[in-house]
Amino acid sequence: MNNRGILDLIISLLPELKLTEKIKLLMSFDDEEQLFVQSKRDIEEIINRELKTFWDITEIRDKAGLIDTTCRMRRFNWVSWMDIDYPPLLRESYDPPPVIFYIGTLPNPEKPLLGMVGTRRPSVNAAEQAYKIAGNIGRKGVSVISGLAKGIDAMSHRGNLIGGAPGYAVLGSGIDEVYPSVNRPLAKRILDSGGALISEYHPGVRPCKWFFPARNRIIAALSRSVLIIEAPKKSGALITAAFALEQGKDLWVASSGVQEGGSGREGTIKLAIEGAPVINSACDILDKWNYSVYEIEEKDTAPVFGADRDKMVSSMANFLKIEI
């Protein structure tokens, strides 16, 4: 936090304002007192529109103070759009949150992140490929950022952690409300790796279905490139794809997501038809990034689910639906 106190946290809690309008207020004031003396008309002039109602600034200040105290007591962190530590790629994106909360260490802005997302109910081939790709880029020091959801997100996180890279997850809830609960041990592993859990929602905020599409813009913003592993025609992963394209990021689809036969790949097949390059392995990604790829050998990562893979297919499919 900078020397502005909790001014930016207060502004982030103001109701009825768009995120871009909150950013305007951040840039308009230097301390809490300047905000407190503003009238409804003053605020309307700054945001260039009328407000239906006006807020009780004392009540909101008290709420912000309680959130700040909670963060300090629980060793959570928050950083404002105005702070030097705010992730630069997120700051430059469309609709950045005025404040983000995090546990752990924010990603190094000088190191690229690979966004990896996909369906919560992947095929075994897609889950295996996500694990392999994430593991192999992890061996090259590249971290994955994803959403800690079941399915592809979880497999990507797990593979990347096995590869030795710090992990990063963006939540659709407060950072103390990990969802789904089955992935709480995975969240701990991400923190133990030196990575972070990140959210635009303050501690105590429960997951909400509307929050997950919104958090996808943050995954896309923090990524250098976004890889969609496998996605049906109606999938949150496709929202991430749209944000990636909107933000000018590389958008790729995995080869397992465009395989013929079966359902659940309509979204990734459509992306490929529309021109998204198909990725077969970590080597493809590292080559596009001009990384040295000679150390990557597919044989080092081939056994993901054990030597007798075929016998694992049925039980693994059930596991993917329930536990990941």
C-alpha atoms as a PDB file:
ATOM      1  CA  MET A   1       0.000   0.000   0.000  1.00  0.00           C
ATOM      2  CA  ASN A   2       1.247   3.526  -0.782  1.00  0.00           C
ATOM      3  CA  ASN A   3       1.076   6.717   1.293  1.00  0.00           C
ATOM      4  CA  ARG A   4      -2.522   7.355   0.246  1.00  0.00           C
ATOM      5  CA  GLY A   5      -3.740   5.366   3.250  1.00  0.00           C
ATOM      6  CA  ILE A   6      -6.922   3.460   2.495  1.00  0.00           C
ATOM      7  CA  LEU A   7      -8.279   6.069   0.072  1.00  0.00           C
ATOM      8  CA  ASP A   8      -8.058   3.702  -2.888  1.00  0.00           C
ATOM      9  CA  LEU A   9      -9.710   0.886  -0.962  1.00  0.00           C
ATOM     10  CA  ILE A  10     -12.575   3.256  -0.096  1.00  0.00           C
ATOM     11  CA  ILE A  11     -12.980   4.232  -3.750  1.00  0.00           C
ATOM     12  CA  SER A  12     -13.006   0.577  -4.804  1.00  0.00           C
ATOM     13  CA  LEU A  13     -16.067   0.022  -2.582  1.00  0.00           C
ATOM     14  CA  LEU A  14     -18.144   2.951  -3.878  1.00  0.00           C
ATOM     15  CA  PRO A  15     -21.453   1.650  -5.283  1.00  0.00           C
ATOM     16  CA  GLU A  16     -23.010   2.386  -8.687  1.00  0.00           C
ATOM     17  CA  LEU A  17     -19.681   3.238 -10.319  1.00  0.00           C
ATOM     18  CA  LYS A  18     -18.063   1.516 -13.273  1.00  0.00           C
ATOM     19  CA  LEU A  19     -14.471   0.365 -12.840  1.00  0.00           C
ATOM     20  CA  THR A  20     -13.271   3.029 -15.254  1.00  0.00           C
ATOM     21  CA  GLU A  21     -15.056   5.665 -13.194  1.00  0.00           C
ATOM     22  CA  LYS A  22     -13.367   4.429 -10.042  1.00  0.00           C
ATOM     23  CA  ILE A  23     -10.017   4.761 -11.805  1.00  0.00           C
ATOM     24  CA  LYS A  24     -10.908   8.381 -12.615  1.00  0.00           C
ATOM     25  CA  LEU A  25     -11.546   9.003  -8.917  1.00  0.00           C
ATOM     26  CA  LEU A  26      -8.242   7.364  -7.976  1.00  0.00           C
ATOM     27  CA  MET A  27      -6.460   9.834 -10.213  1.00  0.00           C
ATOM     28  CA  SER A  28      -8.486  12.792  -8.915  1.00  0.00           C
ATOM     29  CA  PHE A  29      -7.654  12.615  -5.200  1.00  0.00           C
ATOM     30  CA  ASP A  30      -4.522  12.292  -3.078  1.00  0.00           C
ATOM     31  CA  ASP A  31      -6.011  11.613   0.349  1.00  0.00           C
ATOM     32  CA  GLU A  32      -9.236  10.667   2.087  1.00  0.00           C
ATOM     33  CA  GLU A  33     -10.117  14.216   3.128  1.00  0.00           C
ATOM     34  CA  GLN A  34     -10.243  15.372  -0.489  1.00  0.00           C
ATOM     35  CA  LEU A  35     -12.779  12.659  -1.257  1.00  0.00           C
ATOM     36  CA  PHE A  36     -14.861  13.246   1.863  1.00  0.00           C
ATOM     37  CA  VAL A  37     -15.620  16.898   1.024  1.00  0.00           C
ATOM     38  CA  GLN A  38     -16.935  16.104  -2.462  1.00  0.00           C
ATOM     39  CA  SER A  39     -20.608  16.599  -3.149  1.00  0.00           C
ATOM     40  CA  LYS A  40     -22.720  14.403  -5.405  1.00  0.00           C
ATOM     41  CA  ARG A  41     -22.438  17.083  -8.088  1.00  0.00           C
ATOM     42  CA  ASP A  42     -18.640  17.149  -7.752  1.00  0.00           C
ATOM     43  CA  ILE A  43     -18.406  13.405  -8.315  1.00  0.00           C
ATOM     44  CA  GLU A  44     -20.820  13.598 -11.267  1.00  0.00           C
ATOM     45  CA  GLU A  45     -18.601  16.176 -12.937  1.00  0.00           C
ATOM     46  CA  ILE A  46     -15.573  13.896 -12.575  1.00  0.00           C
ATOM     47  CA  ILE A  47     -17.276  10.821 -14.014  1.00  0.00           C
ATOM     48  CA  ASN A  48     -19.294  12.873 -16.520  1.00  0.00           C
ATOM     49  CA  ARG A  49     -22.714  11.412 -15.739  1.00  0.00           C
ATOM     50  CA  GLU A  50     -25.483  11.628 -13.180  1.00  0.00           C
ATOM     51  CA  LEU A  51     -25.701   9.277 -10.196  1.00  0.00           C
ATOM     52  CA  LYS A  52     -29.058   7.849  -9.137  1.00  0.00           C
ATOM     53  CA  THR A  53     -28.091   7.884  -5.468  1.00  0.00           C
ATOM     54  CA  PHE A  54     -25.207   9.034  -3.318  1.00  0.00           C
ATOM     55  CA  TRP A  55     -23.304   7.103  -0.720  1.00  0.00           C
ATOM     56  CA  ASP A  56     -22.676   7.395   2.993  1.00  0.00           C
ATOM     57  CA  ILE A  57     -18.922   7.959   2.814  1.00  0.00           C
ATOM     58  CA  THR A  58     -18.457   7.386   6.558  1.00  0.00           C
ATOM     59  CA  GLU A  59     -20.083   3.964   6.353  1.00  0.00           C
ATOM     60  CA  ILE A  60     -17.960   3.003   3.365  1.00  0.00           C
ATOM     61  CA  ARG A  61     -14.825   4.286   5.093  1.00  0.00           C
ATOM     62  CA  ASP A  62     -15.606   2.090   8.096  1.00  0.00           C
ATOM     63  CA  LYS A  63     -16.052  -0.940   5.828  1.00  0.00           C
ATOM     64  CA  ALA A  64     -12.757  -0.217   4.074  1.00  0.00           C
ATOM     65  CA  GLY A  65     -11.015   0.130   7.424  1.00  0.00           C
ATOM     66  CA  LEU A  66     -12.374  -3.239   8.548  1.00  0.00           C
ATOM     67  CA  ILE A  67     -11.193  -4.894   5.310  1.00  0.00           C
ATOM     68  CA  ASP A  68      -7.749  -3.336   5.701  1.00  0.00           C
ATOM     69  CA  THR A  69      -7.527  -4.517   9.319  1.00  0.00           C
ATOM     70  CA  THR A  70      -8.601  -8.025   8.285  1.00  0.00           C
ATOM     71  CA  CYS A  71      -5.911  -8.103   5.617  1.00  0.00           C
ATOM     72  CA  ARG A  72      -3.240  -7.020   8.072  1.00  0.00           C
ATOM     73  CA  MET A  73      -4.311  -9.558  10.700  1.00  0.00           C
ATOM     74  CA  ARG A  74      -4.473 -12.436   8.212  1.00  0.00           C
ATOM     75  CA  ARG A  75      -1.377 -11.407   6.243  1.00  0.00           C
ATOM     76  CA  PHE A  76      -3.336 -10.730   3.086  1.00  0.00           C
ATOM     77  CA  ASN A  77      -2.197  -7.981   0.758  1.00  0.00           C
ATOM     78  CA  TRP A  78      -3.929  -5.427  -1.408  1.00  0.00           C
ATOM     79  CA  VAL A  79      -2.501  -3.134  -4.031  1.00  0.00           C
ATOM     80  CA  SER A  80      -4.063  -0.187  -5.832  1.00  0.00           C
ATOM     81  CA  TRP A  81      -4.011   0.753  -9.510  1.00  0.00           C
ATOM     82  CA  MET A  82      -2.041   3.788  -8.330  1.00  0.00           C
ATOM     83  CA  ASP A  83       0.734   1.702  -6.718  1.00  0.00           C
ATOM     84  CA  ILE A  84       4.015   0.873  -8.405  1.00  0.00           C
ATOM     85  CA  ASP A  85       3.517  -2.794  -7.455  1.00  0.00           C
ATOM     86  CA  TYR A  86       0.241  -3.097  -9.357  1.00  0.00           C
ATOM     87  CA  PRO A  87       0.843  -5.547 -12.244  1.00  0.00           C
ATOM     88  CA  PRO A  88       1.642  -3.382 -15.298  1.00  0.00           C
ATOM     89  CA  LEU A  89      -0.099  -5.647 -17.815  1.00  0.00           C
ATOM     90  CA  LEU A  90      -3.266  -5.491 -15.739  1.00  0.00           C
ATOM     91  CA  ARG A  91      -2.988  -1.721 -15.366  1.00  0.00           C
ATOM     92  CA  GLU A  92      -2.807  -1.352 -19.148  1.00  0.00           C
ATOM     93  CA  SER A  93      -5.771  -3.645 -19.801  1.00  0.00           C
ATOM     94  CA  TYR A  94      -9.385  -2.711 -20.428  1.00  0.00           C
ATOM     95  CA  ASP A  95     -11.456  -2.415 -17.245  1.00  0.00           C
ATOM     96  CA  PRO A  96      -8.700  -3.075 -14.668  1.00  0.00           C
ATOM     97  CA  PRO A  97      -9.874  -3.426 -11.066  1.00  0.00           C
ATOM     98  CA  PRO A  98      -8.998  -0.371  -8.950  1.00  0.00           C
ATOM     99  CA  VAL A  99      -7.677  -2.686  -6.229  1.00  0.00           C
ATOM    100  CA  ILE A 100      -6.555  -6.311  -6.226  1.00  0.00           C
ATOM    101  CA  PHE A 101      -6.111  -8.554  -3.213  1.00  0.00           C
ATOM    102  CA  TYR A 102      -3.561 -11.327  -3.067  1.00  0.00           C
ATOM    103  CA  ILE A 103      -1.836 -13.892  -0.894  1.00  0.00           C
ATOM    104  CA  GLY A 104       1.749 -14.753  -1.717  1.00  0.00           C
ATOM    105  CA  THR A 105       3.988 -12.964  -4.204  1.00  0.00           C
ATOM    106  CA  LEU A 106       2.704 -11.255  -7.333  1.00  0.00           C
ATOM    107  CA  PRO A 107       4.264 -12.430 -10.609  1.00  0.00           C
ATOM    108  CA  ASN A 108       7.474 -10.817 -11.822  1.00  0.00           C
ATOM    109  CA  PRO A 109       6.376  -8.407 -14.585  1.00  0.00           C
ATOM    110  CA  GLU A 110       9.582  -9.199 -16.492  1.00  0.00           C
ATOM    111  CA  LYS A 111       8.676 -12.880 -16.828  1.00  0.00           C
ATOM    112  CA  PRO A 112       5.889 -14.049 -19.172  1.00  0.00           C
ATOM    113  CA  LEU A 113       2.933 -16.033 -17.919  1.00  0.00           C
ATOM    114  CA  LEU A 114       0.998 -18.576 -19.943  1.00  0.00           C
ATOM    115  CA  GLY A 115      -2.747 -18.503 -19.431  1.00  0.00           C
ATOM    116  CA  MET A 116      -4.188 -22.021 -19.583  1.00  0.00           C
ATOM    117  CA  VAL A 117      -7.919 -22.635 -19.312  1.00  0.00           C
ATOM    118  CA  GLY A 118     -10.547 -25.084 -20.462  1.00  0.00           C
ATOM    119  CA  THR A 119     -13.590 -27.116 -19.579  1.00  0.00           C
ATOM    120  CA  ARG A 120     -14.313 -28.381 -16.090  1.00  0.00           C
ATOM    121  CA  ARG A 121     -15.158 -31.795 -17.588  1.00  0.00           C
ATOM    122  CA  PRO A 122     -12.278 -32.535 -19.956  1.00  0.00           C
ATOM    123  CA  SER A 123     -11.553 -35.659 -21.911  1.00  0.00           C
ATOM    124  CA  VAL A 124      -8.677 -37.745 -20.590  1.00  0.00           C
ATOM    125  CA  ASN A 125      -6.567 -36.717 -23.589  1.00  0.00           C
ATOM    126  CA  ALA A 126      -7.138 -33.027 -22.884  1.00  0.00           C
ATOM    127  CA  ALA A 127      -6.393 -33.364 -19.156  1.00  0.00           C
ATOM    128  CA  GLU A 128      -3.199 -35.258 -19.941  1.00  0.00           C
ATOM    129  CA  GLN A 129      -2.056 -32.718 -22.525  1.00  0.00           C
ATOM    130  CA  ALA A 130      -2.732 -29.804 -20.156  1.00  0.00           C
ATOM    131  CA  TYR A 131      -0.644 -31.505 -17.472  1.00  0.00           C
ATOM    132  CA  LYS A 132       2.216 -32.225 -19.885  1.00  0.00           C
ATOM    133  CA  ILE A 133       2.376 -28.780 -21.458  1.00  0.00           C
ATOM    134  CA  ALA A 134       2.180 -27.007 -18.101  1.00  0.00           C
ATOM    135  CA  GLY A 135       4.848 -29.286 -16.647  1.00  0.00           C
ATOM    136  CA  ASN A 136       7.250 -28.820 -19.519  1.00  0.00           C
ATOM    137  CA  ILE A 137       7.023 -25.047 -19.624  1.00  0.00           C
ATOM    138  CA  GLY A 138       7.435 -25.108 -15.842  1.00  0.00           C
ATOM    139  CA  ARG A 139      10.754 -26.884 -16.341  1.00  0.00           C
ATOM    140  CA  LYS A 140      11.811 -23.865 -18.413  1.00  0.00           C
ATOM    141  CA  GLY A 141      10.834 -21.498 -15.627  1.00  0.00           C
ATOM    142  CA  VAL A 142       7.544 -20.375 -17.192  1.00  0.00           C
ATOM    143  CA  SER A 143       4.563 -20.077 -14.857  1.00  0.00           C
ATOM    144  CA  VAL A 144       0.948 -20.841 -15.667  1.00  0.00           C
ATOM    145  CA  ILE A 145      -1.887 -18.587 -14.614  1.00  0.00           C
ATOM    146  CA  SER A 146      -5.365 -20.073 -14.476  1.00  0.00           C
ATOM    147  CA  GLY A 147      -8.577 -20.023 -12.477  1.00  0.00           C
ATOM    148  CA  LEU A 148      -8.195 -22.905  -9.974  1.00  0.00           C
ATOM    149  CA  ALA A 149     -11.408 -24.475 -11.302  1.00  0.00           C
ATOM    150  CA  LYS A 150     -11.991 -28.198 -11.673  1.00  0.00           C
ATOM    151  CA  GLY A 151     -10.791 -29.899 -14.820  1.00  0.00           C
ATOM    152  CA  ILE A 152      -8.311 -28.196 -17.134  1.00  0.00           C
ATOM    153  CA  ASP A 153      -7.464 -25.350 -14.744  1.00  0.00           C
ATOM    154  CA  ALA A 154      -6.513 -27.758 -11.970  1.00  0.00           C
ATOM    155  CA  MET A 155      -4.521 -30.063 -14.268  1.00  0.00           C
ATOM    156  CA  SER A 156      -2.623 -27.067 -15.647  1.00  0.00           C
ATOM    157  CA  HIS A 157      -1.794 -25.819 -12.153  1.00  0.00           C
ATOM    158  CA  ARG A 158      -0.686 -29.285 -11.031  1.00  0.00           C
ATOM    159  CA  GLY A 159       1.518 -29.897 -14.047  1.00  0.00           C
ATOM    160  CA  ASN A 160       3.174 -26.507 -13.747  1.00  0.00           C
ATOM    161  CA  LEU A 161       3.914 -27.027 -10.050  1.00  0.00           C
ATOM    162  CA  ILE A 162       5.474 -30.425 -10.801  1.00  0.00           C
ATOM    163  CA  GLY A 163       7.571 -28.636 -13.419  1.00  0.00           C
ATOM    164  CA  GLY A 164       8.984 -26.428 -10.667  1.00  0.00           C
ATOM    165  CA  ALA A 165       7.510 -23.020 -11.525  1.00  0.00           C
ATOM    166  CA  PRO A 166       5.621 -20.777  -9.079  1.00  0.00           C
ATOM    167  CA  GLY A 167       1.888 -20.934  -9.735  1.00  0.00           C
ATOM    168  CA  TYR A 168      -0.727 -18.202 -10.040  1.00  0.00           C
ATOM    169  CA  ALA A 169      -4.493 -18.464  -9.706  1.00  0.00           C
ATOM    170  CA  VAL A 170      -7.161 -15.791 -10.170  1.00  0.00           C
ATOM    171  CA  LEU A 171     -10.268 -16.426  -8.068  1.00  0.00           C
ATOM    172  CA  GLY A 172     -13.919 -15.605  -8.602  1.00  0.00           C
ATOM    173  CA  SER A 173     -14.272 -14.966  -4.859  1.00  0.00           C
ATOM    174  CA  GLY A 174     -12.318 -13.447  -2.012  1.00  0.00           C
ATOM    175  CA  ILE A 175      -8.815 -14.884  -1.591  1.00  0.00           C
ATOM    176  CA  ASP A 176      -9.920 -16.614   1.615  1.00  0.00           C
ATOM    177  CA  GLU A 177     -12.889 -18.293  -0.083  1.00  0.00           C
ATOM    178  CA  VAL A 178     -11.182 -20.820  -2.380  1.00  0.00           C
ATOM    179  CA  TYR A 179     -13.709 -22.446  -4.690  1.00  0.00           C
ATOM    180  CA  PRO A 180     -14.192 -25.304  -5.278  1.00  0.00           C
ATOM    181  CA  SER A 181     -13.244 -26.421  -1.784  1.00  0.00           C
ATOM    182  CA  VAL A 182     -11.693 -29.621  -3.148  1.00  0.00           C
ATOM    183  CA  ASN A 183      -8.921 -27.441  -4.631  1.00  0.00           C
ATOM    184  CA  ARG A 184      -7.894 -25.861  -1.325  1.00  0.00           C
ATOM    185  CA  PRO A 185      -4.875 -28.194  -1.031  1.00  0.00           C
ATOM    186  CA  LEU A 186      -3.920 -27.170  -4.574  1.00  0.00           C
ATOM    187  CA  ALA A 187      -4.221 -23.515  -3.571  1.00  0.00           C
ATOM    188  CA  LYS A 188      -1.832 -24.177  -0.682  1.00  0.00           C
ATOM    189  CA  ARG A 189       0.634 -25.813  -3.075  1.00  0.00           C
ATOM    190  CA  ILE A 190       0.475 -22.724  -5.278  1.00  0.00           C
ATOM    191  CA  LEU A 191       1.358 -20.544  -2.300  1.00  0.00           C
ATOM    192  CA  ASP A 192       4.101 -22.928  -1.188  1.00  0.00           C
ATOM    193  CA  SER A 193       5.599 -22.689  -4.695  1.00  0.00           C
ATOM    194  CA  GLY A 194       6.221 -18.963  -4.258  1.00  0.00           C
ATOM    195  CA  GLY A 195       3.228 -17.946  -6.363  1.00  0.00           C
ATOM    196  CA  ALA A 196      -0.013 -16.202  -5.465  1.00  0.00           C
ATOM    197  CA  LEU A 197      -3.782 -16.312  -5.225  1.00  0.00           C
ATOM    198  CA  ILE A 198      -5.214 -13.128  -6.756  1.00  0.00           C
ATOM    199  CA  SER A 199      -8.691 -11.583  -6.695  1.00  0.00           C
ATOM    200  CA  GLU A 200     -10.445  -8.290  -7.303  1.00  0.00           C
ATOM    201  CA  TYR A 201     -12.883  -9.210  -4.509  1.00  0.00           C
ATOM    202  CA  HIS A 202     -12.104  -8.423  -0.900  1.00  0.00           C
ATOM    203  CA  PRO A 203     -11.718 -11.158   1.744  1.00  0.00           C
ATOM    204  CA  GLY A 204     -14.981 -12.710   2.809  1.00  0.00           C
ATOM    205  CA  VAL A 205     -16.684 -12.389  -0.588  1.00  0.00           C
ATOM    206  CA  ARG A 206     -18.294 -15.704  -1.476  1.00  0.00           C
ATOM    207  CA  PRO A 207     -18.057 -17.109  -5.011  1.00  0.00           C
ATOM    208  CA  CYS A 208     -20.786 -16.003  -7.384  1.00  0.00           C
ATOM    209  CA  LYS A 209     -21.454 -17.261 -10.914  1.00  0.00           C
ATOM    210  CA  TRP A 210     -21.160 -13.709 -12.266  1.00  0.00           C
ATOM    211  CA  PHE A 211     -17.677 -13.316 -10.807  1.00  0.00           C
ATOM    212  CA  PHE A 212     -16.090 -16.120 -12.821  1.00  0.00           C
ATOM    213  CA  PRO A 213     -16.556 -14.593 -16.289  1.00  0.00           C
ATOM    214  CA  ALA A 214     -15.238 -11.293 -14.903  1.00  0.00           C
ATOM    215  CA  ARG A 215     -12.113 -12.867 -13.426  1.00  0.00           C
ATOM    216  CA  ASN A 216     -11.257 -14.310 -16.860  1.00  0.00           C
ATOM    217  CA  ARG A 217     -10.306 -10.840 -18.098  1.00  0.00           C
ATOM    218  CA  ILE A 218      -7.638 -10.725 -15.373  1.00  0.00           C
ATOM    219  CA  ILE A 219      -6.225 -14.103 -16.421  1.00  0.00           C
ATOM    220  CA  ALA A 220      -6.013 -12.860 -20.006  1.00  0.00           C
ATOM    221  CA  ALA A 221      -4.522  -9.520 -18.982  1.00  0.00           C
ATOM    222  CA  LEU A 222      -1.737 -11.060 -16.913  1.00  0.00           C
ATOM    223  CA  SER A 223      -0.844 -13.586 -19.623  1.00  0.00           C
ATOM    224  CA  ARG A 224       1.561 -13.133 -22.490  1.00  0.00           C
ATOM    225  CA  SER A 225      -0.397 -15.774 -24.419  1.00  0.00           C
ATOM    226  CA  VAL A 226      -3.544 -17.784 -23.710  1.00  0.00           C
ATOM    227  CA  LEU A 227      -3.922 -21.491 -24.493  1.00  0.00           C
ATOM    228  CA  ILE A 228      -7.423 -22.977 -24.569  1.00  0.00           C
ATOM    229  CA  ILE A 229      -7.044 -26.714 -24.042  1.00  0.00           C
ATOM    230  CA  GLU A 230     -10.572 -27.963 -24.641  1.00  0.00           C
ATOM    231  CA  ALA A 231     -13.892 -26.140 -24.526  1.00  0.00           C
ATOM    232  CA  PRO A 232     -17.504 -26.887 -25.482  1.00  0.00           C
ATOM    233  CA  LYS A 233     -19.554 -24.338 -27.396  1.00  0.00           C
ATOM    234  CA  LYS A 234     -20.727 -22.659 -24.182  1.00  0.00           C
ATOM    235  CA  SER A 235     -17.710 -22.364 -21.926  1.00  0.00           C
ATOM    236  CA  GLY A 236     -16.134 -19.808 -19.655  1.00  0.00           C
ATOM    237  CA  ALA A 237     -12.868 -20.583 -21.412  1.00  0.00           C
ATOM    238  CA  LEU A 238     -14.281 -18.953 -24.527  1.00  0.00           C
ATOM    239  CA  ILE A 239     -14.836 -15.774 -22.513  1.00  0.00           C
ATOM    240  CA  THR A 240     -11.140 -15.852 -21.662  1.00  0.00           C
ATOM    241  CA  ALA A 241     -10.407 -16.329 -25.363  1.00  0.00           C
ATOM    242  CA  ALA A 242     -12.487 -13.268 -26.222  1.00  0.00           C
ATOM    243  CA  PHE A 243     -10.665 -11.182 -23.615  1.00  0.00           C
ATOM    244  CA  ALA A 244      -7.304 -12.396 -24.945  1.00  0.00           C
ATOM    245  CA  LEU A 245      -8.175 -11.306 -28.481  1.00  0.00           C
ATOM    246  CA  GLU A 246      -9.569  -7.998 -27.223  1.00  0.00           C
ATOM    247  CA  GLN A 247      -6.331  -7.345 -25.362  1.00  0.00           C
ATOM    248  CA  GLY A 248      -4.126  -8.276 -28.318  1.00  0.00           C
ATOM    249  CA  LYS A 249      -2.715 -11.456 -26.777  1.00  0.00           C
ATOM    250  CA  ASP A 250      -1.712 -14.623 -28.637  1.00  0.00           C
ATOM    251  CA  LEU A 251      -4.625 -17.063 -28.608  1.00  0.00           C
ATOM    252  CA  TRP A 252      -3.943 -20.741 -29.198  1.00  0.00           C
ATOM    253  CA  VAL A 253      -5.881 -24.000 -28.925  1.00  0.00           C
ATOM    254  CA  ALA A 254      -4.437 -27.371 -27.927  1.00  0.00           C
ATOM    255  CA  SER A 255      -4.446 -30.253 -30.389  1.00  0.00           C
ATOM    256  CA  SER A 256      -6.525 -32.367 -27.982  1.00  0.00           C
ATOM    257  CA  GLY A 257      -9.234 -29.713 -28.190  1.00  0.00           C
ATOM    258  CA  VAL A 258      -9.664 -30.093 -31.933  1.00  0.00           C
ATOM    259  CA  GLN A 259      -9.654 -33.879 -32.191  1.00  0.00           C
ATOM    260  CA  GLU A 260     -12.575 -35.402 -34.052  1.00  0.00           C
ATOM    261  CA  GLY A 261     -15.089 -37.567 -32.266  1.00  0.00           C
ATOM    262  CA  GLY A 262     -16.971 -37.020 -29.056  1.00  0.00           C
ATOM    263  CA  SER A 263     -18.539 -33.838 -27.757  1.00  0.00           C
ATOM    264  CA  GLY A 264     -17.230 -31.029 -25.594  1.00  0.00           C
ATOM    265  CA  ARG A 265     -14.778 -29.608 -28.148  1.00  0.00           C
ATOM    266  CA  GLU A 266     -17.093 -27.444 -30.224  1.00  0.00           C
ATOM    267  CA  GLY A 267     -15.666 -24.225 -28.814  1.00  0.00           C
ATOM    268  CA  THR A 268     -12.013 -25.027 -29.431  1.00  0.00           C
ATOM    269  CA  ILE A 269     -12.764 -26.450 -32.880  1.00  0.00           C
ATOM    270  CA  LYS A 270     -14.533 -23.189 -33.771  1.00  0.00           C
ATOM    271  CA  LEU A 271     -11.549 -21.144 -32.558  1.00  0.00           C
ATOM    272  CA  ALA A 272      -9.205 -23.233 -34.707  1.00  0.00           C
ATOM    273  CA  ILE A 273     -11.446 -22.824 -37.759  1.00  0.00           C
ATOM    274  CA  GLU A 274     -11.435 -19.079 -37.158  1.00  0.00           C
ATOM    275  CA  GLY A 275      -7.634 -19.045 -37.205  1.00  0.00           C
ATOM    276  CA  ALA A 276      -6.303 -19.825 -33.731  1.00  0.00           C
ATOM    277  CA  PRO A 277      -3.011 -21.764 -34.127  1.00  0.00           C
ATOM    278  CA  VAL A 278      -3.010 -25.335 -32.828  1.00  0.00           C
ATOM    279  CA  ILE A 279      -0.447 -26.215 -30.139  1.00  0.00           C
ATOM    280  CA  ASN A 280       0.836 -29.776 -29.847  1.00  0.00           C
ATOM    281  CA  SER A 281       3.390 -29.440 -27.066  1.00  0.00           C
ATOM    282  CA  ALA A 282       5.350 -27.070 -24.864  1.00  0.00           C
ATOM    283  CA  CYS A 283       7.986 -26.902 -27.600  1.00  0.00           C
ATOM    284  CA  ASP A 284       5.488 -25.140 -29.863  1.00  0.00           C
ATOM    285  CA  ILE A 285       4.888 -22.449 -27.254  1.00  0.00           C
ATOM    286  CA  LEU A 286       8.539 -21.967 -26.362  1.00  0.00           C
ATOM    287  CA  ASP A 287       9.421 -21.761 -30.034  1.00  0.00           C
ATOM    288  CA  LYS A 288       6.829 -19.035 -30.597  1.00  0.00           C
ATOM    289  CA  TRP A 289       8.325 -17.170 -27.638  1.00  0.00           C
ATOM    290  CA  ASN A 290      11.869 -17.694 -28.994  1.00  0.00           C
ATOM    291  CA  TYR A 291      12.853 -19.739 -25.956  1.00  0.00           C
ATOM    292  CA  SER A 292      15.510 -22.435 -26.210  1.00  0.00           C
ATOM    293  CA  VAL A 293      13.661 -25.743 -26.488  1.00  0.00           C
ATOM    294  CA  TYR A 294      16.480 -28.281 -26.698  1.00  0.00           C
ATOM    295  CA  GLU A 295      16.069 -29.368 -23.068  1.00  0.00           C
ATOM    296  CA  ILE A 296      12.439 -30.391 -23.509  1.00  0.00           C
ATOM    297  CA  GLU A 297      11.997 -34.076 -24.232  1.00  0.00           C
ATOM    298  CA  GLU A 298       8.552 -35.588 -24.513  1.00  0.00           C
ATOM    299  CA  LYS A 299       9.740 -38.875 -23.025  1.00  0.00           C
ATOM    300  CA  ASP A 300      10.444 -37.110 -19.743  1.00  0.00           C
ATOM    301  CA  THR A 301       6.807 -36.247 -19.248  1.00  0.00           C
ATOM    302  CA  ALA A 302       4.949 -39.021 -21.078  1.00  0.00           C
ATOM    303  CA  PRO A 303       3.692 -41.083 -18.091  1.00  0.00           C
ATOM    304  CA  VAL A 304       1.093 -38.788 -16.558  1.00  0.00           C
ATOM    305  CA  PHE A 305      -1.482 -41.281 -15.334  1.00  0.00           C
ATOM    306  CA  GLY A 306       0.752 -44.307 -15.055  1.00  0.00           C
ATOM    307  CA  ALA A 307       2.322 -46.805 -17.429  1.00  0.00           C
ATOM    308  CA  ASP A 308      -0.853 -48.637 -18.386  1.00  0.00           C
ATOM    309  CA  ARG A 309      -2.749 -45.597 -19.591  1.00  0.00           C
ATOM    310  CA  ASP A 310      -5.625 -47.406 -21.281  1.00  0.00           C
ATOM    311  CA  LYS A 311      -6.739 -49.034 -18.029  1.00  0.00           C
ATOM    312  CA  MET A 312      -6.895 -45.585 -16.433  1.00  0.00           C
ATOM    313  CA  VAL A 313      -9.292 -44.017 -18.930  1.00  0.00           C
ATOM    314  CA  SER A 314     -12.615 -45.017 -17.358  1.00  0.00           C
ATOM    315  CA  SER A 315     -11.695 -44.282 -13.752  1.00  0.00           C
ATOM    316  CA  MET A 316      -9.857 -41.102 -14.721  1.00  0.00           C
ATOM    317  CA  ALA A 317     -12.880 -39.759 -16.566  1.00  0.00           C
ATOM    318  CA  ASN A 318     -14.965 -40.101 -13.400  1.00  0.00           C
ATOM    319  CA  PHE A 319     -12.215 -38.532 -11.314  1.00  0.00           C
ATOM    320  CA  LEU A 320     -12.025 -35.549 -13.625  1.00  0.00           C
ATOM    321  CA  LYS A 321     -15.710 -34.856 -13.192  1.00  0.00           C
ATOM    322  CA  ILE A 322     -15.671 -35.030  -9.426  1.00  0.00           C
ATOM    323  CA  GLU A 323     -12.316 -34.213  -7.920  1.00  0.00           C
ATOM    324  CA  ILE A 324     -10.305 -31.893 -10.156  1.00  0.00           C
END
